Amino acid sequence: MLFGMTGCAVPELQRHSVLQSMVGQSSVEVLRRFGVPTRNYQTQGHTFLSYIHTQENFSPGTWGGDWGGYGYGYGWGPGLGAWGGGMPPMYSTSTCQTTFELVNDRVTSWSLRGDGC
């Protein structure tokens, strides 16, 4: 499941060649290519446009149980045994923030930050 951006733009954001091709482009071109940013910030003539892509992952886990072999014992006789224990379900979230830096309305650099990049 994706949050914060349209599904079609997210994979493109993480391609270095696509990001590098934006250097020298105007803010309008960034908006046309990637849509409205998740957040933006302006300071000392620099504008930062950030796109945040968050992905939730779910692993249903495993049962992990099994039946042991047929065995014989003293006192109680033969029998079957069970063993094992699976992995519990797990949820994880990964995030990637792509930021473009603009000076004089032109992209001068970009950066990726997060465990989902």
PDB file of N, CA and C in Angstrom:
ATOM      1  N   MET A   1       0.847  -1.161   0.000  1.00  0.00           N
ATOM      2  CA  MET A   1       0.000   0.000   0.000  1.00  0.00           C
ATOM      3  C   MET A   1       0.900   1.234   0.000  1.00  0.00           C
ATOM      4  N   LEU A   2       0.584   2.213  -0.787  1.00  0.00           N
ATOM      5  CA  LEU A   2       1.391   3.412  -0.899  1.00  0.00           C
ATOM      6  C   LEU A   2       0.644   4.601  -0.334  1.00  0.00           C
ATOM      7  N   PHE A   3       1.373   5.468   0.336  1.00  0.00           N
ATOM      8  CA  PHE A   3       0.775   6.657   0.912  1.00  0.00           C
ATOM      9  C   PHE A   3       1.532   7.875   0.426  1.00  0.00           C
ATOM     10  N   GLY A   4       0.827   8.993   0.303  1.00  0.00           N
ATOM     11  CA  GLY A   4       1.492  10.255   0.070  1.00  0.00           C
ATOM     12  C   GLY A   4       1.754  10.613  -1.380  1.00  0.00           C
ATOM     13  N   MET A   5       1.646   9.667  -2.296  1.00  0.00           N
ATOM     14  CA  MET A   5       1.920   9.970  -3.690  1.00  0.00           C
ATOM     15  C   MET A   5       1.074   9.079  -4.577  1.00  0.00           C
ATOM     16  N   THR A   6       0.994   9.448  -5.826  1.00  0.00           N
ATOM     17  CA  THR A   6       0.288   8.600  -6.765  1.00  0.00           C
ATOM     18  C   THR A   6       1.153   7.404  -7.092  1.00  0.00           C
ATOM     19  N   GLY A   7       0.531   6.263  -7.332  1.00  0.00           N
ATOM     20  CA  GLY A   7       1.252   5.027  -7.571  1.00  0.00           C
ATOM     21  C   GLY A   7       2.160   5.063  -8.774  1.00  0.00           C
ATOM     22  N   CYS A   8       1.802   5.775  -9.831  1.00  0.00           N
ATOM     23  CA  CYS A   8       2.618   5.748 -11.038  1.00  0.00           C
ATOM     24  C   CYS A   8       3.909   6.537 -10.886  1.00  0.00           C
ATOM     25  N   ALA A   9       3.954   7.515 -10.011  1.00  0.00           N
ATOM     26  CA  ALA A   9       5.143   8.356  -9.893  1.00  0.00           C
ATOM     27  C   ALA A   9       6.191   7.768  -8.965  1.00  0.00           C
ATOM     28  N   VAL A  10       5.808   6.912  -8.046  1.00  0.00           N
ATOM     29  CA  VAL A  10       6.716   6.445  -7.010  1.00  0.00           C
ATOM     30  C   VAL A  10       7.925   5.686  -7.547  1.00  0.00           C
ATOM     31  N   PRO A  11       7.767   4.665  -8.386  1.00  0.00           N
ATOM     32  CA  PRO A  11       8.955   3.946  -8.836  1.00  0.00           C
ATOM     33  C   PRO A  11       9.940   4.851  -9.580  1.00  0.00           C
ATOM     34  N   GLU A  12       9.437   5.817 -10.358  1.00  0.00           N
ATOM     35  CA  GLU A  12      10.303   6.719 -11.100  1.00  0.00           C
ATOM     36  C   GLU A  12      11.171   7.559 -10.185  1.00  0.00           C
ATOM     37  N   LEU A  13      10.637   7.949  -9.050  1.00  0.00           N
ATOM     38  CA  LEU A  13      11.379   8.824  -8.149  1.00  0.00           C
ATOM     39  C   LEU A  13      12.682   8.199  -7.681  1.00  0.00           C
ATOM     40  N   GLN A  14      12.731   6.895  -7.599  1.00  0.00           N
ATOM     41  CA  GLN A  14      13.904   6.248  -7.046  1.00  0.00           C
ATOM     42  C   GLN A  14      14.935   5.877  -8.106  1.00  0.00           C
ATOM     43  N   ARG A  15      14.707   6.239  -9.343  1.00  0.00           N
ATOM     44  CA  ARG A  15      15.674   5.961 -10.397  1.00  0.00           C
ATOM     45  C   ARG A  15      16.639   7.136 -10.506  1.00  0.00           C
ATOM     46  N   HIS A  16      17.894   6.866 -10.265  1.00  0.00           N
ATOM     47  CA  HIS A  16      18.894   7.934 -10.264  1.00  0.00           C
ATOM     48  C   HIS A  16      18.967   8.656 -11.600  1.00  0.00           C
ATOM     49  N   SER A  17      18.821   7.934 -12.698  1.00  0.00           N
ATOM     50  CA  SER A  17      18.910   8.597 -14.004  1.00  0.00           C
ATOM     51  C   SER A  17      17.765   9.589 -14.198  1.00  0.00           C
ATOM     52  N   VAL A  18      16.576   9.242 -13.701  1.00  0.00           N
ATOM     53  CA  VAL A  18      15.432  10.155 -13.804  1.00  0.00           C
ATOM     54  C   VAL A  18      15.673  11.378 -12.931  1.00  0.00           C
ATOM     55  N   LEU A  19      16.159  11.151 -11.730  1.00  0.00           N
ATOM     56  CA  LEU A  19      16.426  12.268 -10.821  1.00  0.00           C
ATOM     57  C   LEU A  19      17.506  13.178 -11.394  1.00  0.00           C
ATOM     58  N   GLN A  20      18.555  12.588 -11.919  1.00  0.00           N
ATOM     59  CA  GLN A  20      19.652  13.382 -12.471  1.00  0.00           C
ATOM     60  C   GLN A  20      19.189  14.200 -13.672  1.00  0.00           C
ATOM     61  N   SER A  21      18.244  13.663 -14.444  1.00  0.00           N
ATOM     62  CA  SER A  21      17.747  14.393 -15.618  1.00  0.00           C
ATOM     63  C   SER A  21      16.965  15.644 -15.228  1.00  0.00           C
ATOM     64  N   MET A  22      16.572  15.750 -13.965  1.00  0.00           N
ATOM     65  CA  MET A  22      15.823  16.918 -13.513  1.00  0.00           C
ATOM     66  C   MET A  22      16.727  18.101 -13.169  1.00  0.00           C
ATOM     67  N   VAL A  23      18.028  17.868 -13.013  1.00  0.00           N
ATOM     68  CA  VAL A  23      18.951  18.970 -12.708  1.00  0.00           C
ATOM     69  C   VAL A  23      18.915  19.959 -13.869  1.00  0.00           C
ATOM     70  N   GLY A  24      18.702  21.227 -13.534  1.00  0.00           N
ATOM     71  CA  GLY A  24      18.590  22.286 -14.529  1.00  0.00           C
ATOM     72  C   GLY A  24      17.156  22.593 -14.936  1.00  0.00           C
ATOM     73  N   GLN A  25      16.223  21.725 -14.560  1.00  0.00           N
ATOM     74  CA  GLN A  25      14.813  21.929 -14.907  1.00  0.00           C
ATOM     75  C   GLN A  25      14.161  22.917 -13.924  1.00  0.00           C
ATOM     76  N   SER A  26      13.050  23.508 -14.348  1.00  0.00           N
ATOM     77  CA  SER A  26      12.321  24.461 -13.505  1.00  0.00           C
ATOM     78  C   SER A  26      11.408  23.726 -12.524  1.00  0.00           C
ATOM     79  N   SER A  27      10.903  24.468 -11.550  1.00  0.00           N
ATOM     80  CA  SER A  27       9.973  23.881 -10.580  1.00  0.00           C
ATOM     81  C   SER A  27       8.708  23.391 -11.272  1.00  0.00           C
ATOM     82  N   VAL A  28       8.293  24.072 -12.331  1.00  0.00           N
ATOM     83  CA  VAL A  28       7.104  23.641 -13.078  1.00  0.00           C
ATOM     84  C   VAL A  28       7.332  22.260 -13.684  1.00  0.00           C
ATOM     85  N   GLU A  29       8.537  22.016 -14.200  1.00  0.00           N
ATOM     86  CA  GLU A  29       8.845  20.702 -14.781  1.00  0.00           C
ATOM     87  C   GLU A  29       8.850  19.613 -13.707  1.00  0.00           C
ATOM     88  N   VAL A  30       9.343  19.937 -12.513  1.00  0.00           N
ATOM     89  CA  VAL A  30       9.308  18.972 -11.407  1.00  0.00           C
ATOM     90  C   VAL A  30       7.861  18.628 -11.079  1.00  0.00           C
ATOM     91  N   LEU A  31       7.012  19.650 -10.988  1.00  0.00           N
ATOM     92  CA  LEU A  31       5.601  19.422 -10.678  1.00  0.00           C
ATOM     93  C   LEU A  31       4.910  18.632 -11.785  1.00  0.00           C
ATOM     94  N   ARG A  32       5.223  18.915 -13.019  1.00  0.00           N
ATOM     95  CA  ARG A  32       4.625  18.157 -14.126  1.00  0.00           C
ATOM     96  C   ARG A  32       5.028  16.691 -14.075  1.00  0.00           C
ATOM     97  N   ARG A  33       6.265  16.442 -13.722  1.00  0.00           N
ATOM     98  CA  ARG A  33       6.783  15.072 -13.734  1.00  0.00           C
ATOM     99  C   ARG A  33       6.345  14.270 -12.517  1.00  0.00           C
ATOM    100  N   PHE A  34       6.373  14.894 -11.338  1.00  0.00           N
ATOM    101  CA  PHE A  34       6.156  14.153 -10.094  1.00  0.00           C
ATOM    102  C   PHE A  34       4.913  14.558  -9.316  1.00  0.00           C
ATOM    103  N   GLY A  35       4.227  15.607  -9.738  1.00  0.00           N
ATOM    104  CA  GLY A  35       3.038  16.048  -9.027  1.00  0.00           C
ATOM    105  C   GLY A  35       3.370  17.027  -7.917  1.00  0.00           C
ATOM    106  N   VAL A  36       2.360  17.339  -7.133  1.00  0.00           N
ATOM    107  CA  VAL A  36       2.518  18.281  -6.022  1.00  0.00           C
ATOM    108  C   VAL A  36       3.353  17.610  -4.930  1.00  0.00           C
ATOM    109  N   PRO A  37       4.373  18.297  -4.411  1.00  0.00           N
ATOM    110  CA  PRO A  37       5.226  17.677  -3.391  1.00  0.00           C
ATOM    111  C   PRO A  37       4.485  17.468  -2.072  1.00  0.00           C
ATOM    112  N   THR A  38       4.975  16.506  -1.314  1.00  0.00           N
ATOM    113  CA  THR A  38       4.423  16.235   0.013  1.00  0.00           C
ATOM    114  C   THR A  38       4.667  17.421   0.935  1.00  0.00           C
ATOM    115  N   ARG A  39       5.851  18.014   0.817  1.00  0.00           N
ATOM    116  CA  ARG A  39       6.173  19.214   1.594  1.00  0.00           C
ATOM    117  C   ARG A  39       7.199  20.040   0.838  1.00  0.00           C
ATOM    118  N   ASN A  40       7.258  21.320   1.182  1.00  0.00           N
ATOM    119  CA  ASN A  40       8.268  22.197   0.585  1.00  0.00           C
ATOM    120  C   ASN A  40       8.738  23.193   1.632  1.00  0.00           C
ATOM    121  N   TYR A  41       9.930  23.738   1.394  1.00  0.00           N
ATOM    122  CA  TYR A  41      10.528  24.665   2.350  1.00  0.00           C
ATOM    123  C   TYR A  41      11.386  25.659   1.579  1.00  0.00           C
ATOM    124  N   GLN A  42      11.355  26.922   1.992  1.00  0.00           N
ATOM    125  CA  GLN A  42      12.159  27.960   1.352  1.00  0.00           C
ATOM    126  C   GLN A  42      13.021  28.651   2.395  1.00  0.00           C
ATOM    127  N   THR A  43      14.297  28.851   2.052  1.00  0.00           N
ATOM    128  CA  THR A  43      15.207  29.580   2.926  1.00  0.00           C
ATOM    129  C   THR A  43      16.371  30.130   2.109  1.00  0.00           C
ATOM    130  N   GLN A  44      16.731  31.380   2.351  1.00  0.00           N
ATOM    131  CA  GLN A  44      17.896  32.041   1.763  1.00  0.00           C
ATOM    132  C   GLN A  44      18.013  31.811   0.255  1.00  0.00           C
ATOM    133  N   GLY A  45      16.907  31.915  -0.459  1.00  0.00           N
ATOM    134  CA  GLY A  45      16.923  31.772  -1.905  1.00  0.00           C
ATOM    135  C   GLY A  45      16.902  30.344  -2.420  1.00  0.00           C
ATOM    136  N   HIS A  46      16.814  29.385  -1.520  1.00  0.00           N
ATOM    137  CA  HIS A  46      16.758  27.969  -1.896  1.00  0.00           C
ATOM    138  C   HIS A  46      15.347  27.454  -1.636  1.00  0.00           C
ATOM    139  N   THR A  47      14.840  26.651  -2.546  1.00  0.00           N
ATOM    140  CA  THR A  47      13.544  25.992  -2.369  1.00  0.00           C
ATOM    141  C   THR A  47      13.780  24.493  -2.367  1.00  0.00           C
ATOM    142  N   PHE A  48      13.177  23.804  -1.416  1.00  0.00           N
ATOM    143  CA  PHE A  48      13.298  22.359  -1.314  1.00  0.00           C
ATOM    144  C   PHE A  48      11.919  21.746  -1.520  1.00  0.00           C
ATOM    145  N   LEU A  49      11.797  20.862  -2.501  1.00  0.00           N
ATOM    146  CA  LEU A  49      10.548  20.146  -2.779  1.00  0.00           C
ATOM    147  C   LEU A  49      10.768  18.690  -2.401  1.00  0.00           C
ATOM    148  N   SER A  50       9.977  18.184  -1.456  1.00  0.00           N
ATOM    149  CA  SER A  50      10.151  16.814  -0.976  1.00  0.00           C
ATOM    150  C   SER A  50       8.945  15.954  -1.298  1.00  0.00           C
ATOM    151  N   TYR A  51       9.238  14.754  -1.760  1.00  0.00           N
ATOM    152  CA  TYR A  51       8.225  13.736  -2.044  1.00  0.00           C
ATOM    153  C   TYR A  51       8.509  12.565  -1.121  1.00  0.00           C
ATOM    154  N   ILE A  52       7.508  12.172  -0.342  1.00  0.00           N
ATOM    155  CA  ILE A  52       7.697  11.095   0.620  1.00  0.00           C
ATOM    156  C   ILE A  52       6.872   9.895   0.190  1.00  0.00           C
ATOM    157  N   HIS A  53       7.547   8.778   0.033  1.00  0.00           N
ATOM    158  CA  HIS A  53       6.918   7.519  -0.359  1.00  0.00           C
ATOM    159  C   HIS A  53       7.037   6.563   0.825  1.00  0.00           C
ATOM    160  N   THR A  54       5.901   6.114   1.338  1.00  0.00           N
ATOM    161  CA  THR A  54       5.865   5.174   2.449  1.00  0.00           C
ATOM    162  C   THR A  54       5.180   3.903   1.990  1.00  0.00           C
ATOM    163  N   GLN A  55       5.783   2.772   2.327  1.00  0.00           N
ATOM    164  CA  GLN A  55       5.209   1.491   1.941  1.00  0.00           C
ATOM    165  C   GLN A  55       5.077   0.614   3.179  1.00  0.00           C
ATOM    166  N   GLU A  56       3.879   0.062   3.373  1.00  0.00           N
ATOM    167  CA  GLU A  56       3.654  -0.890   4.457  1.00  0.00           C
ATOM    168  C   GLU A  56       3.795  -2.289   3.901  1.00  0.00           C
ATOM    169  N   ASN A  57       4.523  -3.117   4.625  1.00  0.00           N
ATOM    170  CA  ASN A  57       4.725  -4.501   4.213  1.00  0.00           C
ATOM    171  C   ASN A  57       4.146  -5.425   5.274  1.00  0.00           C
ATOM    172  N   PHE A  58       3.571  -6.527   4.829  1.00  0.00           N
ATOM    173  CA  PHE A  58       3.002  -7.513   5.745  1.00  0.00           C
ATOM    174  C   PHE A  58       3.486  -8.892   5.344  1.00  0.00           C
ATOM    175  N   SER A  59       3.974  -9.627   6.302  1.00  0.00           N
ATOM    176  CA  SER A  59       4.347 -11.021   6.102  1.00  0.00           C
ATOM    177  C   SER A  59       3.425 -11.851   6.983  1.00  0.00           C
ATOM    178  N   PRO A  60       2.650 -12.765   6.388  1.00  0.00           N
ATOM    179  CA  PRO A  60       1.672 -13.503   7.179  1.00  0.00           C
ATOM    180  C   PRO A  60       2.279 -14.472   8.180  1.00  0.00           C
ATOM    181  N   GLY A  61       3.564 -14.718   8.116  1.00  0.00           N
ATOM    182  CA  GLY A  61       4.187 -15.663   9.026  1.00  0.00           C
ATOM    183  C   GLY A  61       4.046 -17.084   8.509  1.00  0.00           C
ATOM    184  N   THR A  62       4.577 -18.020   9.279  1.00  0.00           N
ATOM    185  CA  THR A  62       4.516 -19.432   8.887  1.00  0.00           C
ATOM    186  C   THR A  62       3.965 -20.254  10.031  1.00  0.00           C
ATOM    187  N   TRP A  63       3.340 -21.353   9.670  1.00  0.00           N
ATOM    188  CA  TRP A  63       2.797 -22.238  10.687  1.00  0.00           C
ATOM    189  C   TRP A  63       3.933 -22.917  11.423  1.00  0.00           C
ATOM    190  N   GLY A  64       4.837 -23.555  10.718  1.00  0.00           N
ATOM    191  CA  GLY A  64       6.052 -24.104  11.295  1.00  0.00           C
ATOM    192  C   GLY A  64       5.910 -25.383  12.082  1.00  0.00           C
ATOM    193  N   GLY A  65       4.708 -25.837  12.355  1.00  0.00           N
ATOM    194  CA  GLY A  65       4.543 -27.071  13.115  1.00  0.00           C
ATOM    195  C   GLY A  65       4.734 -28.296  12.241  1.00  0.00           C
ATOM    196  N   ASP A  66       4.983 -29.417  12.867  1.00  0.00           N
ATOM    197  CA  ASP A  66       5.135 -30.674  12.140  1.00  0.00           C
ATOM    198  C   ASP A  66       4.914 -31.805  13.131  1.00  0.00           C
ATOM    199  N   TRP A  67       4.707 -32.968  12.596  1.00  0.00           N
ATOM    200  CA  TRP A  67       4.523 -34.127  13.447  1.00  0.00           C
ATOM    201  C   TRP A  67       5.805 -34.921  13.498  1.00  0.00           C
ATOM    202  N   GLY A  68       6.147 -35.368  14.693  1.00  0.00           N
ATOM    203  CA  GLY A  68       7.335 -36.195  14.861  1.00  0.00           C
ATOM    204  C   GLY A  68       7.059 -37.629  14.423  1.00  0.00           C
ATOM    205  N   GLY A  69       8.082 -38.412  14.445  1.00  0.00           N
ATOM    206  CA  GLY A  69       7.967 -39.810  14.028  1.00  0.00           C
ATOM    207  C   GLY A  69       7.275 -40.668  15.080  1.00  0.00           C
ATOM    208  N   TYR A  70       6.963 -41.875  14.683  1.00  0.00           N
ATOM    209  CA  TYR A  70       6.327 -42.837  15.564  1.00  0.00           C
ATOM    210  C   TYR A  70       7.405 -43.414  16.456  1.00  0.00           C
ATOM    211  N   GLY A  71       7.176 -43.427  17.738  1.00  0.00           N
ATOM    212  CA  GLY A  71       8.214 -43.923  18.636  1.00  0.00           C
ATOM    213  C   GLY A  71       7.658 -44.880  19.672  1.00  0.00           C
ATOM    214  N   TYR A  72       8.561 -45.553  20.342  1.00  0.00           N
ATOM    215  CA  TYR A  72       8.200 -46.480  21.410  1.00  0.00           C
ATOM    216  C   TYR A  72       8.782 -45.952  22.705  1.00  0.00           C
ATOM    217  N   GLY A  73       8.106 -46.200  23.791  1.00  0.00           N
ATOM    218  CA  GLY A  73       8.614 -45.756  25.075  1.00  0.00           C
ATOM    219  C   GLY A  73       8.299 -46.768  26.154  1.00  0.00           C
ATOM    220  N   TYR A  74       8.963 -46.625  27.272  1.00  0.00           N
ATOM    221  CA  TYR A  74       8.720 -47.509  28.408  1.00  0.00           C
ATOM    222  C   TYR A  74       7.595 -46.948  29.257  1.00  0.00           C
ATOM    223  N   GLY A  75       6.748 -47.796  29.696  1.00  0.00           N
ATOM    224  CA  GLY A  75       5.693 -47.399  30.614  1.00  0.00           C
ATOM    225  C   GLY A  75       4.414 -46.977  29.924  1.00  0.00           C
ATOM    226  N   TRP A  76       4.482 -46.150  28.936  1.00  0.00           N
ATOM    227  CA  TRP A  76       3.264 -45.664  28.300  1.00  0.00           C
ATOM    228  C   TRP A  76       3.065 -46.226  26.903  1.00  0.00           C
ATOM    229  N   GLY A  77       4.034 -46.813  26.322  1.00  0.00           N
ATOM    230  CA  GLY A  77       3.872 -47.435  25.010  1.00  0.00           C
ATOM    231  C   GLY A  77       4.157 -46.478  23.864  1.00  0.00           C
ATOM    232  N   PRO A  78       3.784 -46.913  22.662  1.00  0.00           N
ATOM    233  CA  PRO A  78       4.094 -46.125  21.472  1.00  0.00           C
ATOM    234  C   PRO A  78       3.241 -44.857  21.393  1.00  0.00           C
ATOM    235  N   GLY A  79       3.725 -43.892  20.596  1.00  0.00           N
ATOM    236  CA  GLY A  79       2.945 -42.676  20.410  1.00  0.00           C
ATOM    237  C   GLY A  79       3.573 -41.762  19.374  1.00  0.00           C
ATOM    238  N   LEU A  80       2.827 -40.737  19.025  1.00  0.00           N
ATOM    239  CA  LEU A  80       3.290 -39.726  18.080  1.00  0.00           C
ATOM    240  C   LEU A  80       3.524 -38.422  18.827  1.00  0.00           C
ATOM    241  N   GLY A  81       4.460 -37.625  18.350  1.00  0.00           N
ATOM    242  CA  GLY A  81       4.715 -36.337  18.983  1.00  0.00           C
ATOM    243  C   GLY A  81       4.728 -35.216  17.957  1.00  0.00           C
ATOM    244  N   ALA A  82       4.465 -34.031  18.424  1.00  0.00           N
ATOM    245  CA  ALA A  82       4.502 -32.855  17.553  1.00  0.00           C
ATOM    246  C   ALA A  82       5.621 -31.932  18.014  1.00  0.00           C
ATOM    247  N   TRP A  83       6.126 -31.100  17.084  1.00  0.00           N
ATOM    248  CA  TRP A  83       7.177 -30.148  17.424  1.00  0.00           C
ATOM    249  C   TRP A  83       7.044 -28.918  16.546  1.00  0.00           C
ATOM    250  N   GLY A  84       7.790 -27.918  16.875  1.00  0.00           N
ATOM    251  CA  GLY A  84       7.897 -26.761  15.989  1.00  0.00           C
ATOM    252  C   GLY A  84       7.169 -25.544  16.499  1.00  0.00           C
ATOM    253  N   GLY A  85       7.385 -24.502  15.789  1.00  0.00           N
ATOM    254  CA  GLY A  85       6.757 -23.220  16.069  1.00  0.00           C
ATOM    255  C   GLY A  85       7.123 -22.287  14.936  1.00  0.00           C
ATOM    256  N   GLY A  86       6.155 -21.739  14.315  1.00  0.00           N
ATOM    257  CA  GLY A  86       6.407 -20.892  13.150  1.00  0.00           C
ATOM    258  C   GLY A  86       6.778 -19.473  13.521  1.00  0.00           C
ATOM    259  N   MET A  87       6.857 -18.669  12.514  1.00  0.00           N
ATOM    260  CA  MET A  87       7.134 -17.250  12.679  1.00  0.00           C
ATOM    261  C   MET A  87       5.804 -16.505  12.779  1.00  0.00           C
ATOM    262  N   PRO A  88       5.702 -15.539  13.672  1.00  0.00           N
ATOM    263  CA  PRO A  88       4.450 -14.782  13.788  1.00  0.00           C
ATOM    264  C   PRO A  88       4.298 -13.809  12.612  1.00  0.00           C
ATOM    265  N   PRO A  89       3.093 -13.331  12.367  1.00  0.00           N
ATOM    266  CA  PRO A  89       2.921 -12.308  11.326  1.00  0.00           C
ATOM    267  C   PRO A  89       3.744 -11.067  11.679  1.00  0.00           C
ATOM    268  N   MET A  90       4.250 -10.396  10.650  1.00  0.00           N
ATOM    269  CA  MET A  90       5.077  -9.217  10.890  1.00  0.00           C
ATOM    270  C   MET A  90       4.637  -8.073   9.988  1.00  0.00           C
ATOM    271  N   TYR A  91       4.615  -6.879  10.541  1.00  0.00           N
ATOM    272  CA  TYR A  91       4.344  -5.653   9.796  1.00  0.00           C
ATOM    273  C   TYR A  91       5.623  -4.823   9.796  1.00  0.00           C
ATOM    274  N   SER A  92       5.906  -4.189   8.681  1.00  0.00           N
ATOM    275  CA  SER A  92       7.033  -3.261   8.631  1.00  0.00           C
ATOM    276  C   SER A  92       6.674  -2.103   7.706  1.00  0.00           C
ATOM    277  N   THR A  93       7.305  -0.985   7.924  1.00  0.00           N
ATOM    278  CA  THR A  93       7.084   0.202   7.112  1.00  0.00           C
ATOM    279  C   THR A  93       8.432   0.703   6.624  1.00  0.00           C
ATOM    280  N   SER A  94       8.503   1.038   5.349  1.00  0.00           N
ATOM    281  CA  SER A  94       9.718   1.646   4.804  1.00  0.00           C
ATOM    282  C   SER A  94       9.348   2.983   4.168  1.00  0.00           C
ATOM    283  N   THR A  95      10.261   3.930   4.264  1.00  0.00           N
ATOM    284  CA  THR A  95      10.009   5.282   3.775  1.00  0.00           C
ATOM    285  C   THR A  95      11.194   5.763   2.947  1.00  0.00           C
ATOM    286  N   CYS A  96      10.879   6.465   1.868  1.00  0.00           N
ATOM    287  CA  CYS A  96      11.908   7.120   1.066  1.00  0.00           C
ATOM    288  C   CYS A  96      11.465   8.557   0.808  1.00  0.00           C
ATOM    289  N   GLN A  97      12.327   9.490   1.144  1.00  0.00           N
ATOM    290  CA  GLN A  97      12.061  10.905   0.878  1.00  0.00           C
ATOM    291  C   GLN A  97      12.999  11.365  -0.229  1.00  0.00           C
ATOM    292  N   THR A  98      12.420  11.833  -1.320  1.00  0.00           N
ATOM    293  CA  THR A  98      13.177  12.395  -2.439  1.00  0.00           C
ATOM    294  C   THR A  98      13.031  13.906  -2.370  1.00  0.00           C
ATOM    295  N   THR A  99      14.158  14.611  -2.312  1.00  0.00           N
ATOM    296  CA  THR A  99      14.129  16.068  -2.191  1.00  0.00           C
ATOM    297  C   THR A  99      14.904  16.704  -3.340  1.00  0.00           C
ATOM    298  N   PHE A 100      14.272  17.671  -3.969  1.00  0.00           N
ATOM    299  CA  PHE A 100      14.917  18.476  -5.002  1.00  0.00           C
ATOM    300  C   PHE A 100      15.246  19.832  -4.400  1.00  0.00           C
ATOM    301  N   GLU A 101      16.473  20.317  -4.641  1.00  0.00           N
ATOM    302  CA  GLU A 101      16.859  21.661  -4.221  1.00  0.00           C
ATOM    303  C   GLU A 101      16.864  22.554  -5.450  1.00  0.00           C
ATOM    304  N   LEU A 102      16.180  23.700  -5.347  1.00  0.00           N
ATOM    305  CA  LEU A 102      16.102  24.651  -6.453  1.00  0.00           C
ATOM    306  C   LEU A 102      16.672  25.999  -6.031  1.00  0.00           C
ATOM    307  N   VAL A 103      17.421  26.620  -6.934  1.00  0.00           N
ATOM    308  CA  VAL A 103      17.927  27.980  -6.766  1.00  0.00           C
ATOM    309  C   VAL A 103      17.562  28.726  -8.039  1.00  0.00           C
ATOM    310  N   ASN A 104      16.979  29.910  -7.886  1.00  0.00           N
ATOM    311  CA  ASN A 104      16.502  30.684  -9.043  1.00  0.00           C
ATOM    312  C   ASN A 104      15.564  29.854  -9.916  1.00  0.00           C
ATOM    313  N   ASP A 105      14.693  29.087  -9.267  1.00  0.00           N
ATOM    314  CA  ASP A 105      13.674  28.263  -9.925  1.00  0.00           C
ATOM    315  C   ASP A 105      14.258  27.161 -10.818  1.00  0.00           C
ATOM    316  N   ARG A 106      15.486  26.721 -10.551  1.00  0.00           N
ATOM    317  CA  ARG A 106      16.104  25.623 -11.305  1.00  0.00           C
ATOM    318  C   ARG A 106      16.621  24.572 -10.332  1.00  0.00           C
ATOM    319  N   VAL A 107      16.404  23.303 -10.668  1.00  0.00           N
ATOM    320  CA  VAL A 107      16.895  22.210  -9.825  1.00  0.00           C
ATOM    321  C   VAL A 107      18.419  22.212  -9.873  1.00  0.00           C
ATOM    322  N   THR A 108      19.040  22.293  -8.700  1.00  0.00           N
ATOM    323  CA  THR A 108      20.504  22.256  -8.621  1.00  0.00           C
ATOM    324  C   THR A 108      21.010  20.917  -8.100  1.00  0.00           C
ATOM    325  N   SER A 109      20.176  20.206  -7.321  1.00  0.00           N
ATOM    326  CA  SER A 109      20.583  18.901  -6.794  1.00  0.00           C
ATOM    327  C   SER A 109      19.356  18.151  -6.298  1.00  0.00           C
ATOM    328  N   TRP A 110      19.570  16.895  -5.962  1.00  0.00           N
ATOM    329  CA  TRP A 110      18.512  16.052  -5.406  1.00  0.00           C
ATOM    330  C   TRP A 110      19.147  15.123  -4.384  1.00  0.00           C
ATOM    331  N   SER A 111      18.332  14.576  -3.493  1.00  0.00           N
ATOM    332  CA  SER A 111      18.832  13.615  -2.508  1.00  0.00           C
ATOM    333  C   SER A 111      17.744  12.608  -2.176  1.00  0.00           C
ATOM    334  N   LEU A 112      18.190  11.435  -1.745  1.00  0.00           N
ATOM    335  CA  LEU A 112      17.294  10.375  -1.279  1.00  0.00           C
ATOM    336  C   LEU A 112      17.625  10.100   0.177  1.00  0.00           C
ATOM    337  N   ARG A 113      16.602   9.907   0.995  1.00  0.00           N
ATOM    338  CA  ARG A 113      16.815   9.633   2.407  1.00  0.00           C
ATOM    339  C   ARG A 113      15.766   8.638   2.883  1.00  0.00           C
ATOM    340  N   GLY A 114      16.209   7.636   3.622  1.00  0.00           N
ATOM    341  CA  GLY A 114      15.282   6.687   4.212  1.00  0.00           C
ATOM    342  C   GLY A 114      15.650   5.246   3.910  1.00  0.00           C
ATOM    343  N   ASP A 115      15.003   4.332   4.620  1.00  0.00           N
ATOM    344  CA  ASP A 115      15.302   2.907   4.461  1.00  0.00           C
ATOM    345  C   ASP A 115      14.585   2.270   3.276  1.00  0.00           C
ATOM    346  N   GLY A 116      13.716   3.019   2.605  1.00  0.00           N
ATOM    347  CA  GLY A 116      12.985   2.470   1.465  1.00  0.00           C
ATOM    348  C   GLY A 116      13.497   2.963   0.123  1.00  0.00           C
ATOM    349  N   CYS A 117      14.695   3.567   0.114  1.00  0.00           N
ATOM    350  CA  CYS A 117      15.234   4.129  -1.139  1.00  0.00           C
ATOM    351  C   CYS A 117      16.104   3.123  -1.887  1.00  0.00           C
TER     352      CYS A 117
END
